[in-house]
């Protein structure tokens, strides 16, 4: 309740009036397996690609177009995007900040 009152007002620190705002902290996201609740340094899960959700590291993802493969995967139209975040699988990269799995209150995995 006090936090709600502070967010709706301003606070004075060292004689200076400061605005307050509400922020929503998201759980950490692993860039190895793309699960929530831990980071890659401490991950024991197998890798998942942040582009296609395949069983490989994102850095190893390659354009499947064999005759003239794309060099910039962020612009590659040949990769079928699939989110690797558990509970999503939408057609976007796992690093997309608009991922629905990050918006809902999902348990940490």
N, C-alpha and C. Protein backbone atom coordinates (compact mmCIF):
# COMPACT_ATOMS: atom_id res chain seq x y z
N UNK A 1 0.83 -1.20 0.00
CA UNK A 1 0.00 0.00 0.00
C UNK A 1 0.88 1.25 0.00
N UNK A 2 1.91 1.26 0.84
CA UNK A 2 2.81 2.41 0.89
C UNK A 2 3.50 2.60 -0.46
N UNK A 3 3.90 1.50 -1.09
CA UNK A 3 4.53 1.61 -2.41
C UNK A 3 3.59 2.24 -3.42
N UNK A 4 2.32 1.89 -3.37
CA UNK A 4 1.33 2.47 -4.27
C UNK A 4 1.18 3.96 -4.04
N UNK A 5 1.24 4.38 -2.79
CA UNK A 5 1.14 5.81 -2.48
C UNK A 5 2.38 6.56 -2.98
N UNK A 6 3.54 5.94 -2.83
CA UNK A 6 4.77 6.59 -3.30
C UNK A 6 4.80 6.72 -4.81
N UNK A 7 4.30 5.71 -5.50
CA UNK A 7 4.28 5.75 -6.96
C UNK A 7 3.37 6.87 -7.45
N UNK A 8 2.29 7.08 -6.74
CA UNK A 8 1.32 8.10 -7.15
C UNK A 8 1.72 9.50 -6.70
N UNK A 9 2.88 9.65 -6.08
CA UNK A 9 3.26 10.96 -5.58
C UNK A 9 4.72 11.25 -5.94
N UNK A 10 5.32 12.09 -5.14
CA UNK A 10 6.72 12.44 -5.30
C UNK A 10 7.40 12.30 -3.95
N UNK A 11 8.70 12.18 -3.96
CA UNK A 11 9.45 12.07 -2.71
C UNK A 11 10.53 13.15 -2.68
N UNK A 12 10.90 13.54 -1.48
CA UNK A 12 11.96 14.52 -1.29
C UNK A 12 13.16 13.78 -0.72
N UNK A 13 14.28 13.84 -1.43
CA UNK A 13 15.54 13.25 -0.97
C UNK A 13 16.60 14.33 -0.98
N UNK A 14 17.21 14.56 0.18
CA UNK A 14 18.24 15.59 0.32
C UNK A 14 17.76 16.95 -0.16
N UNK A 15 16.50 17.25 0.12
CA UNK A 15 15.95 18.54 -0.23
C UNK A 15 15.55 18.70 -1.68
N UNK A 16 15.62 17.64 -2.45
CA UNK A 16 15.27 17.70 -3.87
C UNK A 16 14.02 16.87 -4.11
N UNK A 17 13.04 17.46 -4.81
CA UNK A 17 11.80 16.78 -5.12
C UNK A 17 12.00 15.87 -6.34
N UNK A 18 11.66 14.59 -6.18
CA UNK A 18 11.82 13.61 -7.25
C UNK A 18 10.48 13.00 -7.61
N UNK A 19 10.25 12.80 -8.90
CA UNK A 19 9.06 12.08 -9.34
C UNK A 19 9.27 10.59 -9.10
N UNK A 20 8.20 9.88 -8.90
CA UNK A 20 8.28 8.43 -8.74
C UNK A 20 7.47 7.77 -9.84
N UNK A 21 7.83 6.56 -10.16
CA UNK A 21 7.08 5.81 -11.16
C UNK A 21 7.15 4.33 -10.84
N UNK A 22 6.16 3.61 -11.29
CA UNK A 22 6.09 2.17 -11.05
C UNK A 22 6.86 1.45 -12.16
N UNK A 23 7.69 0.50 -11.76
CA UNK A 23 8.37 -0.33 -12.75
C UNK A 23 8.03 -1.79 -12.47
N UNK A 24 7.99 -2.57 -13.51
CA UNK A 24 7.73 -4.00 -13.37
C UNK A 24 9.01 -4.73 -13.72
N UNK A 25 9.54 -5.44 -12.74
CA UNK A 25 10.76 -6.21 -12.98
C UNK A 25 10.39 -7.56 -13.58
N UNK A 26 11.09 -7.94 -14.61
CA UNK A 26 10.88 -9.25 -15.22
C UNK A 26 11.92 -10.22 -14.66
N UNK A 27 11.57 -11.49 -14.59
CA UNK A 27 12.57 -12.46 -14.14
C UNK A 27 13.69 -12.55 -15.17
N UNK A 28 14.89 -12.94 -14.74
CA UNK A 28 15.98 -13.07 -15.71
C UNK A 28 15.66 -14.13 -16.75
N UNK A 29 16.18 -13.92 -17.96
CA UNK A 29 15.95 -14.87 -19.06
C UNK A 29 17.30 -15.43 -19.51
N UNK A 30 17.38 -16.73 -19.58
CA UNK A 30 18.60 -17.41 -19.99
C UNK A 30 18.78 -17.31 -21.50
N UNK A 31 19.97 -16.94 -21.95
CA UNK A 31 20.24 -16.86 -23.38
C UNK A 31 20.89 -18.14 -23.91
N UNK A 32 20.84 -19.21 -23.11
CA UNK A 32 21.23 -20.55 -23.57
C UNK A 32 19.99 -21.36 -23.92
N UNK A 33 19.05 -21.47 -22.96
CA UNK A 33 17.84 -22.27 -23.17
C UNK A 33 16.58 -21.41 -23.30
N UNK A 34 16.67 -20.13 -23.00
CA UNK A 34 15.59 -19.15 -23.09
C UNK A 34 14.47 -19.39 -22.09
N UNK A 35 14.76 -20.14 -21.03
CA UNK A 35 13.80 -20.27 -19.93
C UNK A 35 13.96 -19.07 -19.02
N UNK A 36 12.95 -18.84 -18.21
CA UNK A 36 12.98 -17.72 -17.27
C UNK A 36 13.49 -18.18 -15.92
N UNK A 37 14.12 -17.27 -15.19
CA UNK A 37 14.50 -17.54 -13.82
C UNK A 37 15.98 -17.78 -13.58
N UNK A 38 16.78 -17.86 -14.62
CA UNK A 38 18.22 -18.02 -14.45
C UNK A 38 18.93 -17.43 -15.67
N UNK A 39 20.26 -17.38 -15.59
CA UNK A 39 21.04 -16.85 -16.71
C UNK A 39 21.92 -17.96 -17.29
N UNK A 40 22.43 -17.75 -18.48
CA UNK A 40 23.19 -18.78 -19.21
C UNK A 40 24.39 -19.30 -18.43
N UNK A 41 25.01 -18.45 -17.67
CA UNK A 41 26.20 -18.85 -16.92
C UNK A 41 25.92 -20.02 -15.98
N UNK A 42 24.69 -20.09 -15.46
CA UNK A 42 24.31 -21.12 -14.51
C UNK A 42 23.32 -22.13 -15.10
N UNK A 43 23.25 -22.23 -16.41
CA UNK A 43 22.26 -23.08 -17.08
C UNK A 43 22.76 -24.50 -17.27
N UNK A 44 21.93 -25.48 -16.88
CA UNK A 44 22.23 -26.89 -17.08
C UNK A 44 21.40 -27.50 -18.20
N UNK A 45 20.56 -26.71 -18.85
CA UNK A 45 19.67 -27.21 -19.90
C UNK A 45 20.39 -27.23 -21.24
N UNK A 46 19.93 -28.06 -22.17
CA UNK A 46 20.51 -28.04 -23.51
C UNK A 46 20.20 -26.71 -24.20
N UNK A 47 21.01 -26.32 -25.17
CA UNK A 47 20.77 -25.04 -25.83
C UNK A 47 19.50 -25.06 -26.68
N UNK A 48 18.95 -23.88 -26.86
CA UNK A 48 17.81 -23.67 -27.76
C UNK A 48 18.13 -22.42 -28.57
N UNK A 49 17.83 -22.46 -29.84
CA UNK A 49 18.13 -21.33 -30.72
C UNK A 49 17.13 -20.21 -30.49
N UNK A 50 17.62 -19.00 -30.35
CA UNK A 50 16.76 -17.84 -30.17
C UNK A 50 16.06 -17.40 -31.43
N UNK A 51 16.45 -17.95 -32.58
CA UNK A 51 15.80 -17.62 -33.85
C UNK A 51 14.71 -18.63 -34.21
N UNK A 52 15.09 -19.92 -34.22
CA UNK A 52 14.18 -20.96 -34.73
C UNK A 52 13.75 -21.97 -33.68
N UNK A 53 14.24 -21.85 -32.45
CA UNK A 53 13.96 -22.76 -31.33
C UNK A 53 14.55 -24.15 -31.56
N UNK A 54 15.46 -24.29 -32.51
CA UNK A 54 16.11 -25.57 -32.76
C UNK A 54 17.08 -25.94 -31.65
N UNK A 55 17.53 -27.20 -31.62
CA UNK A 55 18.42 -27.67 -30.54
C UNK A 55 19.89 -27.31 -30.78
N UNK A 56 20.16 -26.04 -30.99
CA UNK A 56 21.52 -25.56 -31.19
C UNK A 56 21.62 -24.14 -30.63
N UNK A 57 22.85 -23.69 -30.42
CA UNK A 57 23.06 -22.32 -29.94
C UNK A 57 22.62 -21.33 -31.00
N UNK A 58 22.14 -20.18 -30.57
CA UNK A 58 21.69 -19.15 -31.50
C UNK A 58 22.80 -18.77 -32.48
N UNK A 59 24.04 -18.71 -31.99
CA UNK A 59 25.18 -18.35 -32.83
C UNK A 59 25.41 -19.36 -33.95
N UNK A 60 24.92 -20.60 -33.77
CA UNK A 60 25.11 -21.65 -34.77
C UNK A 60 23.97 -21.71 -35.79
N UNK A 61 22.95 -20.89 -35.62
CA UNK A 61 21.82 -20.89 -36.54
C UNK A 61 22.30 -20.37 -37.90
N UNK A 62 21.87 -21.04 -38.94
CA UNK A 62 22.33 -20.67 -40.28
C UNK A 62 21.15 -20.58 -41.23
N UNK A 63 21.31 -19.78 -42.23
CA UNK A 63 20.29 -19.64 -43.27
C UNK A 63 20.18 -20.96 -44.03
N UNK A 64 18.97 -21.51 -44.16
CA UNK A 64 18.82 -22.78 -44.87
C UNK A 64 18.86 -22.66 -46.39
N UNK A 65 18.92 -21.44 -46.89
CA UNK A 65 18.97 -21.22 -48.34
C UNK A 65 20.38 -21.55 -48.82
N UNK A 66 20.55 -22.72 -49.44
CA UNK A 66 21.89 -23.22 -49.75
C UNK A 66 22.59 -22.54 -50.92
N UNK A 67 21.85 -22.08 -51.91
CA UNK A 67 22.51 -21.49 -53.08
C UNK A 67 23.10 -20.12 -52.80
N UNK A 68 22.42 -19.33 -51.98
CA UNK A 68 22.93 -18.01 -51.61
C UNK A 68 22.49 -17.70 -50.19
N UNK A 69 23.17 -18.29 -49.19
CA UNK A 69 22.74 -18.07 -47.80
C UNK A 69 22.91 -16.63 -47.35
N UNK A 70 21.99 -16.20 -46.52
CA UNK A 70 22.04 -14.84 -45.98
C UNK A 70 23.18 -14.74 -44.97
N UNK A 71 23.84 -13.62 -44.94
CA UNK A 71 24.91 -13.41 -43.97
C UNK A 71 24.41 -12.71 -42.72
N UNK A 72 23.33 -11.95 -42.83
CA UNK A 72 22.75 -11.25 -41.69
C UNK A 72 21.43 -11.94 -41.32
N UNK A 73 21.48 -12.77 -40.28
CA UNK A 73 20.29 -13.54 -39.90
C UNK A 73 19.16 -12.67 -39.39
N UNK A 74 19.45 -11.47 -38.94
CA UNK A 74 18.37 -10.60 -38.47
C UNK A 74 17.47 -10.16 -39.63
N UNK A 75 17.99 -10.27 -40.86
CA UNK A 75 17.21 -9.90 -42.04
C UNK A 75 16.84 -11.11 -42.91
N UNK A 76 17.21 -12.31 -42.49
CA UNK A 76 17.02 -13.51 -43.31
C UNK A 76 15.54 -13.89 -43.41
N UNK A 77 14.99 -13.93 -44.64
CA UNK A 77 13.59 -14.32 -44.81
C UNK A 77 13.40 -15.83 -44.89
N UNK A 78 14.50 -16.60 -44.85
CA UNK A 78 14.42 -18.05 -45.02
C UNK A 78 14.27 -18.81 -43.71
N UNK A 79 14.59 -18.18 -42.59
CA UNK A 79 14.45 -18.84 -41.29
C UNK A 79 13.01 -18.71 -40.82
N UNK A 80 12.44 -19.81 -40.42
CA UNK A 80 11.10 -19.78 -39.84
C UNK A 80 11.25 -19.45 -38.37
N UNK A 81 10.87 -18.23 -38.00
CA UNK A 81 11.02 -17.80 -36.62
C UNK A 81 10.08 -18.57 -35.72
N UNK A 82 10.60 -18.97 -34.57
CA UNK A 82 9.80 -19.64 -33.55
C UNK A 82 10.42 -19.32 -32.21
N UNK A 83 9.63 -18.81 -31.29
CA UNK A 83 10.12 -18.42 -29.98
C UNK A 83 10.49 -19.66 -29.17
N UNK A 84 11.67 -19.64 -28.55
CA UNK A 84 12.14 -20.76 -27.73
C UNK A 84 11.73 -20.62 -26.28
N UNK A 85 11.08 -19.52 -25.90
CA UNK A 85 10.65 -19.33 -24.52
C UNK A 85 9.53 -20.32 -24.22
N UNK A 86 9.67 -21.13 -23.16
CA UNK A 86 8.61 -22.09 -22.83
C UNK A 86 7.26 -21.40 -22.66
N UNK A 87 6.24 -22.00 -23.27
CA UNK A 87 4.90 -21.44 -23.18
C UNK A 87 4.56 -20.45 -24.27
N UNK A 88 5.44 -20.26 -25.24
CA UNK A 88 5.16 -19.29 -26.29
C UNK A 88 5.07 -19.94 -27.67
N UNK A 89 6.19 -20.22 -28.32
CA UNK A 89 6.27 -20.80 -29.67
C UNK A 89 5.66 -19.91 -30.75
N UNK A 90 5.50 -18.63 -30.49
CA UNK A 90 4.98 -17.68 -31.48
C UNK A 90 6.05 -17.43 -32.55
N UNK A 91 5.66 -16.91 -33.71
CA UNK A 91 6.63 -16.67 -34.79
C UNK A 91 7.44 -15.39 -34.60
N UNK A 92 8.26 -15.36 -33.56
CA UNK A 92 9.16 -14.24 -33.33
C UNK A 92 10.41 -14.77 -32.64
N UNK A 93 11.46 -13.99 -32.60
CA UNK A 93 12.69 -14.41 -31.92
C UNK A 93 12.47 -14.45 -30.41
N UNK A 94 13.21 -15.29 -29.74
CA UNK A 94 13.08 -15.44 -28.29
C UNK A 94 13.52 -14.19 -27.54
N UNK A 95 14.23 -13.30 -28.20
CA UNK A 95 14.69 -12.06 -27.57
C UNK A 95 13.70 -10.90 -27.76
N UNK A 96 12.59 -11.16 -28.41
CA UNK A 96 11.59 -10.12 -28.67
C UNK A 96 10.95 -9.68 -27.35
N UNK A 97 11.03 -8.39 -27.06
CA UNK A 97 10.49 -7.86 -25.80
C UNK A 97 8.97 -7.89 -25.74
N UNK A 98 8.31 -8.10 -26.85
CA UNK A 98 6.85 -8.17 -26.85
C UNK A 98 6.35 -9.61 -26.72
N UNK A 99 7.22 -10.54 -26.38
CA UNK A 99 6.85 -11.95 -26.23
C UNK A 99 5.72 -12.10 -25.21
N UNK A 100 4.61 -12.75 -25.59
CA UNK A 100 3.48 -12.92 -24.67
C UNK A 100 3.85 -13.71 -23.41
N UNK A 101 4.83 -14.60 -23.50
CA UNK A 101 5.23 -15.39 -22.32
C UNK A 101 5.84 -14.50 -21.25
N UNK A 102 6.42 -13.37 -21.65
CA UNK A 102 6.99 -12.44 -20.68
C UNK A 102 5.93 -11.53 -20.07
N UNK A 103 4.83 -11.37 -20.75
CA UNK A 103 3.79 -10.46 -20.28
C UNK A 103 2.88 -11.08 -19.23
N UNK A 104 2.63 -12.37 -19.36
CA UNK A 104 1.73 -12.99 -18.39
C UNK A 104 2.53 -13.43 -17.17
N UNK A 105 1.83 -13.65 -16.10
CA UNK A 105 2.48 -14.07 -14.85
C UNK A 105 2.73 -15.57 -14.91
N UNK A 106 3.82 -15.96 -15.54
CA UNK A 106 4.14 -17.37 -15.63
C UNK A 106 5.14 -17.72 -14.54
N UNK A 107 5.07 -18.95 -14.02
CA UNK A 107 6.03 -19.34 -12.99
C UNK A 107 7.43 -19.41 -13.58
N UNK A 108 8.40 -19.19 -12.75
CA UNK A 108 9.79 -19.26 -13.20
C UNK A 108 10.12 -20.70 -13.53
N UNK A 109 10.79 -20.92 -14.64
CA UNK A 109 11.15 -22.28 -15.05
C UNK A 109 12.64 -22.43 -15.11
